PDB file of all heavy atoms in Angstrom:
ATOM      1  N   VAL A   1       0.832  -1.206   0.000  1.00  0.00           N
ATOM      2  CA  VAL A   1       0.000   0.000   0.000  1.00  0.00           C
ATOM      3  C   VAL A   1       0.868   1.257   0.000  1.00  0.00           C
ATOM      4  O   VAL A   1       0.609   2.215  -0.737  1.00  0.00           O
ATOM      5  CB  VAL A   1      -0.940   0.011   1.222  1.00  0.00           C
ATOM      6  CG1 VAL A   1      -1.676   1.353   1.327  1.00  0.00           C
ATOM      7  CG2 VAL A   1      -1.945  -1.135   1.137  1.00  0.00           C
ATOM      8  N   ALA A   2       1.922   1.231   0.831  1.00  0.00           N
ATOM      9  CA  ALA A   2       2.817   2.391   0.909  1.00  0.00           C
ATOM     10  C   ALA A   2       3.485   2.650  -0.442  1.00  0.00           C
ATOM     11  O   ALA A   2       3.623   3.807  -0.871  1.00  0.00           O
ATOM     12  CB  ALA A   2       3.876   2.156   1.987  1.00  0.00           C
ATOM     13  N   LEU A   3       3.890   1.595  -1.125  1.00  0.00           N
ATOM     14  CA  LEU A   3       4.515   1.759  -2.435  1.00  0.00           C
ATOM     15  C   LEU A   3       3.497   2.205  -3.477  1.00  0.00           C
ATOM     16  O   LEU A   3       3.821   2.997  -4.367  1.00  0.00           O
ATOM     17  CB  LEU A   3       5.169   0.439  -2.863  1.00  0.00           C
ATOM     18  CG  LEU A   3       5.902   0.433  -4.201  1.00  0.00           C
ATOM     19  CD1 LEU A   3       6.983   1.506  -4.242  1.00  0.00           C
ATOM     20  CD2 LEU A   3       6.519  -0.943  -4.467  1.00  0.00           C
ATOM     21  N   PHE A   4       2.272   1.723  -3.353  1.00  0.00           N
ATOM     22  CA  PHE A   4       1.229   2.112  -4.307  1.00  0.00           C
ATOM     23  C   PHE A   4       0.955   3.612  -4.235  1.00  0.00           C
ATOM     24  O   PHE A   4       0.629   4.241  -5.254  1.00  0.00           O
ATOM     25  CB  PHE A   4      -0.051   1.328  -4.027  1.00  0.00           C
ATOM     26  CG  PHE A   4      -1.181   1.663  -4.957  1.00  0.00           C
ATOM     27  CD1 PHE A   4      -1.152   1.260  -6.289  1.00  0.00           C
ATOM     28  CD2 PHE A   4      -2.278   2.384  -4.507  1.00  0.00           C
ATOM     29  CE1 PHE A   4      -2.182   1.582  -7.163  1.00  0.00           C
ATOM     30  CE2 PHE A   4      -3.320   2.700  -5.374  1.00  0.00           C
ATOM     31  CZ  PHE A   4      -3.273   2.296  -6.690  1.00  0.00           C
ATOM     32  N   LYS A   5       1.078   4.190  -3.054  1.00  0.00           N
ATOM     33  CA  LYS A   5       0.874   5.631  -2.907  1.00  0.00           C
ATOM     34  C   LYS A   5       1.892   6.413  -3.737  1.00  0.00           C
ATOM     35  O   LYS A   5       1.616   7.534  -4.174  1.00  0.00           O
ATOM     36  CB  LYS A   5       0.980   6.027  -1.434  1.00  0.00           C
ATOM     37  CG  LYS A   5      -0.143   5.482  -0.566  1.00  0.00           C
ATOM     38  CD  LYS A   5       0.052   5.860   0.894  1.00  0.00           C
ATOM     39  CE  LYS A   5      -1.057   5.292   1.762  1.00  0.00           C
ATOM     40  NZ  LYS A   5      -0.867   5.610   3.209  1.00  0.00           N
ATOM     41  N   LYS A   6       3.054   5.821  -3.955  1.00  0.00           N
ATOM     42  CA  LYS A   6       4.077   6.466  -4.773  1.00  0.00           C
ATOM     43  C   LYS A   6       3.907   6.165  -6.259  1.00  0.00           C
ATOM     44  O   LYS A   6       4.322   6.947  -7.113  1.00  0.00           O
ATOM     45  CB  LYS A   6       5.476   5.998  -4.356  1.00  0.00           C
ATOM     46  CG  LYS A   6       5.868   6.293  -2.919  1.00  0.00           C
ATOM     47  CD  LYS A   6       7.275   5.756  -2.654  1.00  0.00           C
ATOM     48  CE  LYS A   6       7.726   5.981  -1.226  1.00  0.00           C
ATOM     49  NZ  LYS A   6       9.088   5.447  -0.981  1.00  0.00           N
ATOM     50  N   SER A   7       3.304   5.023  -6.557  1.00  0.00           N
ATOM     51  CA  SER A   7       3.339   4.510  -7.933  1.00  0.00           C
ATOM     52  C   SER A   7       2.018   4.589  -8.683  1.00  0.00           C
ATOM     53  O   SER A   7       1.980   4.268  -9.873  1.00  0.00           O
ATOM     54  CB  SER A   7       3.785   3.045  -7.916  1.00  0.00           C
ATOM     55  OG  SER A   7       2.785   2.220  -7.333  1.00  0.00           O
ATOM     56  N   TRP A   8       0.920   5.007  -8.032  1.00  0.00           N
ATOM     57  CA  TRP A   8      -0.391   4.897  -8.670  1.00  0.00           C
ATOM     58  C   TRP A   8      -0.461   5.649  -9.998  1.00  0.00           C
ATOM     59  O   TRP A   8      -1.084   5.161 -10.963  1.00  0.00           O
ATOM     60  CB  TRP A   8      -1.490   5.390  -7.732  1.00  0.00           C
ATOM     61  CG  TRP A   8      -1.479   6.875  -7.467  1.00  0.00           C
ATOM     62  CD1 TRP A   8      -0.863   7.522  -6.447  1.00  0.00           C
ATOM     63  CD2 TRP A   8      -2.120   7.881  -8.258  1.00  0.00           C
ATOM     64  NE1 TRP A   8      -1.062   8.876  -6.542  1.00  0.00           N
ATOM     65  CE2 TRP A   8      -1.842   9.131  -7.642  1.00  0.00           C
ATOM     66  CE3 TRP A   8      -2.904   7.864  -9.413  1.00  0.00           C
ATOM     67  CZ2 TRP A   8      -2.311  10.339  -8.158  1.00  0.00           C
ATOM     68  CZ3 TRP A   8      -3.367   9.064  -9.932  1.00  0.00           C
ATOM     69  CH2 TRP A   8      -3.083  10.281  -9.303  1.00  0.00           C
ATOM     70  N   LEU A   9       0.170   6.810 -10.070  1.00  0.00           N
ATOM     71  CA  LEU A   9       0.123   7.574 -11.316  1.00  0.00           C
ATOM     72  C   LEU A   9       0.855   6.842 -12.436  1.00  0.00           C
ATOM     73  O   LEU A   9       0.379   6.799 -13.582  1.00  0.00           O
ATOM     74  CB  LEU A   9       0.738   8.960 -11.106  1.00  0.00           C
ATOM     75  CG  LEU A   9       0.781   9.866 -12.344  1.00  0.00           C
ATOM     76  CD1 LEU A   9      -0.621  10.091 -12.898  1.00  0.00           C
ATOM     77  CD2 LEU A   9       1.457  11.194 -12.019  1.00  0.00           C
ATOM     78  N   HIS A  10       1.977   6.238 -12.107  1.00  0.00           N
ATOM     79  CA  HIS A  10       2.754   5.505 -13.110  1.00  0.00           C
ATOM     80  C   HIS A  10       2.017   4.223 -13.522  1.00  0.00           C
ATOM     81  O   HIS A  10       2.101   3.807 -14.682  1.00  0.00           O
ATOM     82  CB  HIS A  10       4.135   5.173 -12.555  1.00  0.00           C
ATOM     83  CG  HIS A  10       4.911   6.383 -12.137  1.00  0.00           C
ATOM     84  ND1 HIS A  10       5.502   7.237 -13.044  1.00  0.00           N
ATOM     85  CD2 HIS A  10       5.169   6.910 -10.903  1.00  0.00           C
ATOM     86  CE1 HIS A  10       6.095   8.223 -12.398  1.00  0.00           C
ATOM     87  NE2 HIS A  10       5.900   8.054 -11.110  1.00  0.00           N
ATOM     88  N   GLY A  11       1.292   3.622 -12.569  1.00  0.00           N
ATOM     89  CA  GLY A  11       0.471   2.461 -12.908  1.00  0.00           C
ATOM     90  C   GLY A  11      -0.655   2.840 -13.853  1.00  0.00           C
ATOM     91  O   GLY A  11      -0.984   2.097 -14.785  1.00  0.00           O
ATOM     92  N   LEU A  12      -1.251   4.013 -13.634  1.00  0.00           N
ATOM     93  CA  LEU A  12      -2.294   4.514 -14.524  1.00  0.00           C
ATOM     94  C   LEU A  12      -1.738   4.763 -15.924  1.00  0.00           C
ATOM     95  O   LEU A  12      -2.360   4.380 -16.929  1.00  0.00           O
ATOM     96  CB  LEU A  12      -2.879   5.807 -13.955  1.00  0.00           C
ATOM     97  CG  LEU A  12      -3.852   6.572 -14.869  1.00  0.00           C
ATOM     98  CD1 LEU A  12      -5.068   5.728 -15.200  1.00  0.00           C
ATOM     99  CD2 LEU A  12      -4.266   7.885 -14.215  1.00  0.00           C
ATOM    100  N   ILE A  13      -0.572   5.372 -15.982  1.00  0.00           N
ATOM    101  CA  ILE A  13       0.059   5.631 -17.281  1.00  0.00           C
ATOM    102  C   ILE A  13       0.347   4.316 -18.004  1.00  0.00           C
ATOM    103  O   ILE A  13       0.148   4.202 -19.218  1.00  0.00           O
ATOM    104  CB  ILE A  13       1.357   6.441 -17.100  1.00  0.00           C
ATOM    105  CG1 ILE A  13       1.033   7.852 -16.590  1.00  0.00           C
ATOM    106  CG2 ILE A  13       2.140   6.521 -18.410  1.00  0.00           C
ATOM    107  CD1 ILE A  13       2.248   8.676 -16.223  1.00  0.00           C
ATOM    108  N   MET A  14       0.801   3.317 -17.251  1.00  0.00           N
ATOM    109  CA  MET A  14       1.070   2.006 -17.846  1.00  0.00           C
ATOM    110  C   MET A  14      -0.188   1.440 -18.500  1.00  0.00           C
ATOM    111  O   MET A  14      -0.159   0.977 -19.655  1.00  0.00           O
ATOM    112  CB  MET A  14       1.573   1.026 -16.777  1.00  0.00           C
ATOM    113  CG  MET A  14       1.747  -0.399 -17.289  1.00  0.00           C
ATOM    114  SD  MET A  14       2.178  -1.592 -15.995  1.00  0.00           S
ATOM    115  CE  MET A  14       0.628  -1.672 -15.088  1.00  0.00           C
ATOM    116  N   GLN A  15      -1.319   1.493 -17.790  1.00  0.00           N
ATOM    117  CA  GLN A  15      -2.565   0.967 -18.328  1.00  0.00           C
ATOM    118  C   GLN A  15      -3.007   1.747 -19.565  1.00  0.00           C
ATOM    119  O   GLN A  15      -3.470   1.167 -20.551  1.00  0.00           O
ATOM    120  CB  GLN A  15      -3.666   1.027 -17.253  1.00  0.00           C
ATOM    121  CG  GLN A  15      -3.388   0.212 -16.006  1.00  0.00           C
ATOM    122  CD  GLN A  15      -3.309  -1.275 -16.273  1.00  0.00           C
ATOM    123  OE1 GLN A  15      -3.769  -1.769 -17.307  1.00  0.00           O
ATOM    124  NE2 GLN A  15      -2.724  -2.011 -15.346  1.00  0.00           N
ATOM    125  N   LEU A  16      -2.857   3.069 -19.530  1.00  0.00           N
ATOM    126  CA  LEU A  16      -3.268   3.896 -20.660  1.00  0.00           C
ATOM    127  C   LEU A  16      -2.405   3.636 -21.886  1.00  0.00           C
ATOM    128  O   LEU A  16      -2.907   3.631 -23.021  1.00  0.00           O
ATOM    129  CB  LEU A  16      -3.203   5.375 -20.273  1.00  0.00           C
ATOM    130  CG  LEU A  16      -4.216   5.847 -19.218  1.00  0.00           C
ATOM    131  CD1 LEU A  16      -3.980   7.308 -18.863  1.00  0.00           C
ATOM    132  CD2 LEU A  16      -5.645   5.635 -19.716  1.00  0.00           C
ATOM    133  N   VAL A  17      -1.117   3.408 -21.669  1.00  0.00           N
ATOM    134  CA  VAL A  17      -0.217   3.111 -22.792  1.00  0.00           C
ATOM    135  C   VAL A  17      -0.610   1.790 -23.449  1.00  0.00           C
ATOM    136  O   VAL A  17      -0.677   1.680 -24.685  1.00  0.00           O
ATOM    137  CB  VAL A  17       1.253   3.058 -22.317  1.00  0.00           C
ATOM    138  CG1 VAL A  17       2.148   2.479 -23.414  1.00  0.00           C
ATOM    139  CG2 VAL A  17       1.736   4.442 -21.926  1.00  0.00           C
ATOM    140  N   ILE A  18      -0.894   0.780 -22.628  1.00  0.00           N
ATOM    141  CA  ILE A  18      -1.294  -0.529 -23.161  1.00  0.00           C
ATOM    142  C   ILE A  18      -2.602  -0.408 -23.941  1.00  0.00           C
ATOM    143  O   ILE A  18      -2.753  -0.966 -25.036  1.00  0.00           O
ATOM    144  CB  ILE A  18      -1.436  -1.555 -22.025  1.00  0.00           C
ATOM    145  CG1 ILE A  18      -0.064  -1.857 -21.415  1.00  0.00           C
ATOM    146  CG2 ILE A  18      -2.068  -2.852 -22.541  1.00  0.00           C
ATOM    147  CD1 ILE A  18      -0.106  -2.772 -20.204  1.00  0.00           C
ATOM    148  N   ILE A  19      -3.556   0.349 -23.390  1.00  0.00           N
ATOM    149  CA  ILE A  19      -4.842   0.550 -24.074  1.00  0.00           C
ATOM    150  C   ILE A  19      -4.644   1.299 -25.392  1.00  0.00           C
ATOM    151  O   ILE A  19      -5.232   0.939 -26.419  1.00  0.00           O
ATOM    152  CB  ILE A  19      -5.816   1.324 -23.159  1.00  0.00           C
ATOM    153  CG1 ILE A  19      -6.238   0.448 -21.982  1.00  0.00           C
ATOM    154  CG2 ILE A  19      -7.051   1.770 -23.944  1.00  0.00           C
ATOM    155  CD1 ILE A  19      -7.071   1.169 -20.952  1.00  0.00           C
ATOM    156  N   ALA A  20      -3.805   2.334 -25.369  1.00  0.00           N
ATOM    157  CA  ALA A  20      -3.566   3.133 -26.569  1.00  0.00           C
ATOM    158  C   ALA A  20      -2.952   2.293 -27.680  1.00  0.00           C
ATOM    159  O   ALA A  20      -3.218   2.520 -28.868  1.00  0.00           O
ATOM    160  CB  ALA A  20      -2.653   4.309 -26.233  1.00  0.00           C
ATOM    161  N   ILE A  21      -2.138   1.311 -27.318  1.00  0.00           N
ATOM    162  CA  ILE A  21      -1.515   0.443 -28.314  1.00  0.00           C
ATOM    163  C   ILE A  21      -2.488  -0.636 -28.781  1.00  0.00           C
ATOM    164  O   ILE A  21      -2.488  -1.031 -29.948  1.00  0.00           O
ATOM    165  CB  ILE A  21      -0.238  -0.204 -27.732  1.00  0.00           C
ATOM    166  CG1 ILE A  21       0.814   0.884 -27.467  1.00  0.00           C
ATOM    167  CG2 ILE A  21       0.316  -1.269 -28.677  1.00  0.00           C
ATOM    168  CD1 ILE A  21       2.047   0.373 -26.748  1.00  0.00           C
ATOM    169  N   THR A  22      -3.343  -1.081 -27.867  1.00  0.00           N
ATOM    170  CA  THR A  22      -4.258  -2.187 -28.176  1.00  0.00           C
ATOM    171  C   THR A  22      -5.441  -1.773 -29.030  1.00  0.00           C
ATOM    172  O   THR A  22      -5.821  -2.485 -29.968  1.00  0.00           O
ATOM    173  CB  THR A  22      -4.775  -2.810 -26.862  1.00  0.00           C
ATOM    174  OG1 THR A  22      -3.675  -3.264 -26.077  1.00  0.00           O
ATOM    175  CG2 THR A  22      -5.708  -3.982 -27.159  1.00  0.00           C
ATOM    176  N   ILE A  23      -6.030  -0.616 -28.748  1.00  0.00           N
ATOM    177  CA  ILE A  23      -7.266  -0.196 -29.427  1.00  0.00           C
ATOM    178  C   ILE A  23      -7.137  -0.158 -30.952  1.00  0.00           C
ATOM    179  O   ILE A  23      -8.012  -0.687 -31.661  1.00  0.00           O
ATOM    180  CB  ILE A  23      -7.743   1.166 -28.892  1.00  0.00           C
ATOM    181  CG1 ILE A  23      -8.322   0.991 -27.488  1.00  0.00           C
ATOM    182  CG2 ILE A  23      -8.783   1.786 -29.811  1.00  0.00           C
ATOM    183  CD1 ILE A  23      -8.804   2.281 -26.859  1.00  0.00           C
ATOM    184  N   PRO A  24      -6.085   0.435 -31.532  1.00  0.00           N
ATOM    185  CA  PRO A  24      -5.997   0.454 -33.002  1.00  0.00           C
ATOM    186  C   PRO A  24      -5.989  -0.944 -33.622  1.00  0.00           C
ATOM    187  O   PRO A  24      -6.614  -1.174 -34.663  1.00  0.00           O
ATOM    188  CB  PRO A  24      -4.671   1.180 -33.265  1.00  0.00           C
ATOM    189  CG  PRO A  24      -4.451   2.012 -32.047  1.00  0.00           C
ATOM    190  CD  PRO A  24      -4.978   1.193 -30.922  1.00  0.00           C
ATOM    191  N   VAL A  25      -5.282  -1.878 -32.965  1.00  0.00           N
ATOM    192  CA  VAL A  25      -5.217  -3.244 -33.496  1.00  0.00           C
ATOM    193  C   VAL A  25      -6.585  -3.915 -33.404  1.00  0.00           C
ATOM    194  O   VAL A  25      -7.024  -4.606 -34.335  1.00  0.00           O
ATOM    195  CB  VAL A  25      -4.164  -4.072 -32.724  1.00  0.00           C
ATOM    196  CG1 VAL A  25      -4.119  -5.499 -33.252  1.00  0.00           C
ATOM    197  CG2 VAL A  25      -2.796  -3.414 -32.845  1.00  0.00           C
ATOM    198  N   VAL A  26      -7.272  -3.710 -32.283  1.00  0.00           N
ATOM    199  CA  VAL A  26      -8.606  -4.284 -32.117  1.00  0.00           C
ATOM    200  C   VAL A  26      -9.572  -3.706 -33.147  1.00  0.00           C
ATOM    201  O   VAL A  26     -10.398  -4.425 -33.730  1.00  0.00           O
ATOM    202  CB  VAL A  26      -9.129  -4.025 -30.688  1.00  0.00           C
ATOM    203  CG1 VAL A  26     -10.589  -4.473 -30.562  1.00  0.00           C
ATOM    204  CG2 VAL A  26      -8.271  -4.752 -29.665  1.00  0.00           C
ATOM    205  N   MET A  27      -9.463  -2.414 -33.403  1.00  0.00           N
ATOM    206  CA  MET A  27     -10.353  -1.773 -34.376  1.00  0.00           C
ATOM    207  C   MET A  27     -10.107  -2.306 -35.785  1.00  0.00           C
ATOM    208  O   MET A  27     -11.047  -2.438 -36.579  1.00  0.00           O
ATOM    209  CB  MET A  27     -10.151  -0.262 -34.337  1.00  0.00           C
ATOM    210  CG  MET A  27     -10.704   0.403 -33.088  1.00  0.00           C
ATOM    211  SD  MET A  27     -12.468   0.085 -32.845  1.00  0.00           S
ATOM    212  CE  MET A  27     -13.160   0.839 -34.319  1.00  0.00           C
ATOM    213  N   ILE A  28      -8.847  -2.597 -36.102  1.00  0.00           N
ATOM    214  CA  ILE A  28      -8.531  -3.158 -37.422  1.00  0.00           C
ATOM    215  C   ILE A  28      -9.267  -4.480 -37.618  1.00  0.00           C
ATOM    216  O   ILE A  28      -9.737  -4.807 -38.717  1.00  0.00           O
ATOM    217  CB  ILE A  28      -7.012  -3.360 -37.584  1.00  0.00           C
ATOM    218  CG1 ILE A  28      -6.308  -1.995 -37.679  1.00  0.00           C
ATOM    219  CG2 ILE A  28      -6.694  -4.205 -38.811  1.00  0.00           C
ATOM    220  CD1 ILE A  28      -4.794  -2.091 -37.693  1.00  0.00           C
ATOM    221  N   PHE A  29      -9.380  -5.239 -36.535  1.00  0.00           N
ATOM    222  CA  PHE A  29     -10.045  -6.541 -36.611  1.00  0.00           C
ATOM    223  C   PHE A  29     -11.565  -6.387 -36.677  1.00  0.00           C
ATOM    224  O   PHE A  29     -12.241  -7.035 -37.487  1.00  0.00           O
ATOM    225  CB  PHE A  29      -9.673  -7.393 -35.393  1.00  0.00           C
ATOM    226  CG  PHE A  29     -10.388  -8.718 -35.350  1.00  0.00           C
ATOM    227  CD1 PHE A  29      -9.998  -9.759 -36.174  1.00  0.00           C
ATOM    228  CD2 PHE A  29     -11.457  -8.913 -34.495  1.00  0.00           C
ATOM    229  CE1 PHE A  29     -10.661 -10.983 -36.142  1.00  0.00           C
ATOM    230  CE2 PHE A  29     -12.129 -10.128 -34.455  1.00  0.00           C
ATOM    231  CZ  PHE A  29     -11.730 -11.170 -35.280  1.00  0.00           C
ATOM    232  N   TYR A  30     -12.121  -5.521 -35.844  1.00  0.00           N
ATOM    233  CA  TYR A  30     -13.575  -5.426 -35.719  1.00  0.00           C
ATOM    234  C   TYR A  30     -14.235  -4.504 -36.731  1.00  0.00           C
ATOM    235  O   TYR A  30     -15.431  -4.669 -37.024  1.00  0.00           O
ATOM    236  CB  TYR A  30     -13.957  -4.969 -34.301  1.00  0.00           C
ATOM    237  CG  TYR A  30     -13.924  -6.090 -33.295  1.00  0.00           C
ATOM    238  CD1 TYR A  30     -12.903  -6.175 -32.357  1.00  0.00           C
ATOM    239  CD2 TYR A  30     -14.915  -7.072 -33.283  1.00  0.00           C
ATOM    240  CE1 TYR A  30     -12.865  -7.207 -31.435  1.00  0.00           C
ATOM    241  CE2 TYR A  30     -14.895  -8.103 -32.370  1.00  0.00           C
ATOM    242  CZ  TYR A  30     -13.862  -8.169 -31.439  1.00  0.00           C
ATOM    243  OH  TYR A  30     -13.825  -9.189 -30.535  1.00  0.00           O
ATOM    244  N   PHE A  31     -13.491  -3.532 -37.265  1.00  0.00           N
ATOM    245  CA  PHE A  31     -14.123  -2.581 -38.181  1.00  0.00           C
ATOM    246  C   PHE A  31     -14.756  -3.255 -39.399  1.00  0.00           C
ATOM    247  O   PHE A  31     -15.904  -2.936 -39.758  1.00  0.00           O
ATOM    248  CB  PHE A  31     -13.116  -1.519 -38.633  1.00  0.00           C
ATOM    249  CG  PHE A  31     -13.706  -0.492 -39.554  1.00  0.00           C
ATOM    250  CD1 PHE A  31     -14.503   0.524 -39.055  1.00  0.00           C
ATOM    251  CD2 PHE A  31     -13.476  -0.558 -40.924  1.00  0.00           C
ATOM    252  CE1 PHE A  31     -15.069   1.472 -39.907  1.00  0.00           C
ATOM    253  CE2 PHE A  31     -14.036   0.376 -41.776  1.00  0.00           C
ATOM    254  CZ  PHE A  31     -14.833   1.396 -41.271  1.00  0.00           C
ATOM    255  N   PRO A  32     -14.062  -4.194 -40.079  1.00  0.00           N
ATOM    256  CA  PRO A  32     -14.712  -4.850 -41.233  1.00  0.00           C
ATOM    257  C   PRO A  32     -15.979  -5.598 -40.834  1.00  0.00           C
ATOM    258  O   PRO A  32     -16.952  -5.623 -41.592  1.00  0.00           O
ATOM    259  CB  PRO A  32     -13.627  -5.818 -41.735  1.00  0.00           C
ATOM    260  CG  PRO A  32     -12.345  -5.258 -41.231  1.00  0.00           C
ATOM    261  CD  PRO A  32     -12.671  -4.656 -39.899  1.00  0.00           C
ATOM    262  N   ILE A  33     -15.963  -6.213 -39.637  1.00  0.00           N
ATOM    263  CA  ILE A  33     -17.139  -6.966 -39.193  1.00  0.00           C
ATOM    264  C   ILE A  33     -18.297  -6.016 -38.910  1.00  0.00           C
ATOM    265  O   ILE A  33     -19.448  -6.269 -39.296  1.00  0.00           O
ATOM    266  CB  ILE A  33     -16.796  -7.788 -37.933  1.00  0.00           C
ATOM    267  CG1 ILE A  33     -15.695  -8.796 -38.258  1.00  0.00           C
ATOM    268  CG2 ILE A  33     -18.024  -8.505 -37.407  1.00  0.00           C
ATOM    269  CD1 ILE A  33     -15.217  -9.595 -37.062  1.00  0.00           C
ATOM    270  N   ILE A  34     -18.007  -4.905 -38.235  1.00  0.00           N
ATOM    271  CA  ILE A  34     -19.047  -3.929 -37.926  1.00  0.00           C
ATOM    272  C   ILE A  34     -19.609  -3.309 -39.217  1.00  0.00           C
ATOM    273  O   ILE A  34     -20.829  -3.152 -39.373  1.00  0.00           O
ATOM    274  CB  ILE A  34     -18.490  -2.818 -37.008  1.00  0.00           C
ATOM    275  CG1 ILE A  34     -18.092  -3.418 -35.648  1.00  0.00           C
ATOM    276  CG2 ILE A  34     -19.518  -1.710 -36.808  1.00  0.00           C
ATOM    277  CD1 ILE A  34     -17.366  -2.442 -34.744  1.00  0.00           C
ATOM    278  N   ALA A  35     -18.690  -2.987 -40.144  1.00  0.00           N
ATOM    279  CA  ALA A  35     -19.121  -2.390 -41.412  1.00  0.00           C
ATOM    280  C   ALA A  35     -19.995  -3.368 -42.203  1.00  0.00           C
ATOM    281  O   ALA A  35     -21.015  -2.986 -42.793  1.00  0.00           O
ATOM    282  CB  ALA A  35     -17.903  -1.991 -42.229  1.00  0.00           C
TER     283      ALA A  35
END
């Protein structure tokens, strides 16, 4: 918990970076199906 108080912002950035990289690839797969 004590370490999380120092790291929560960096953990959030980590999740956002992974999402930012994942979404375009997922959209490439799903866009033709949705269209």
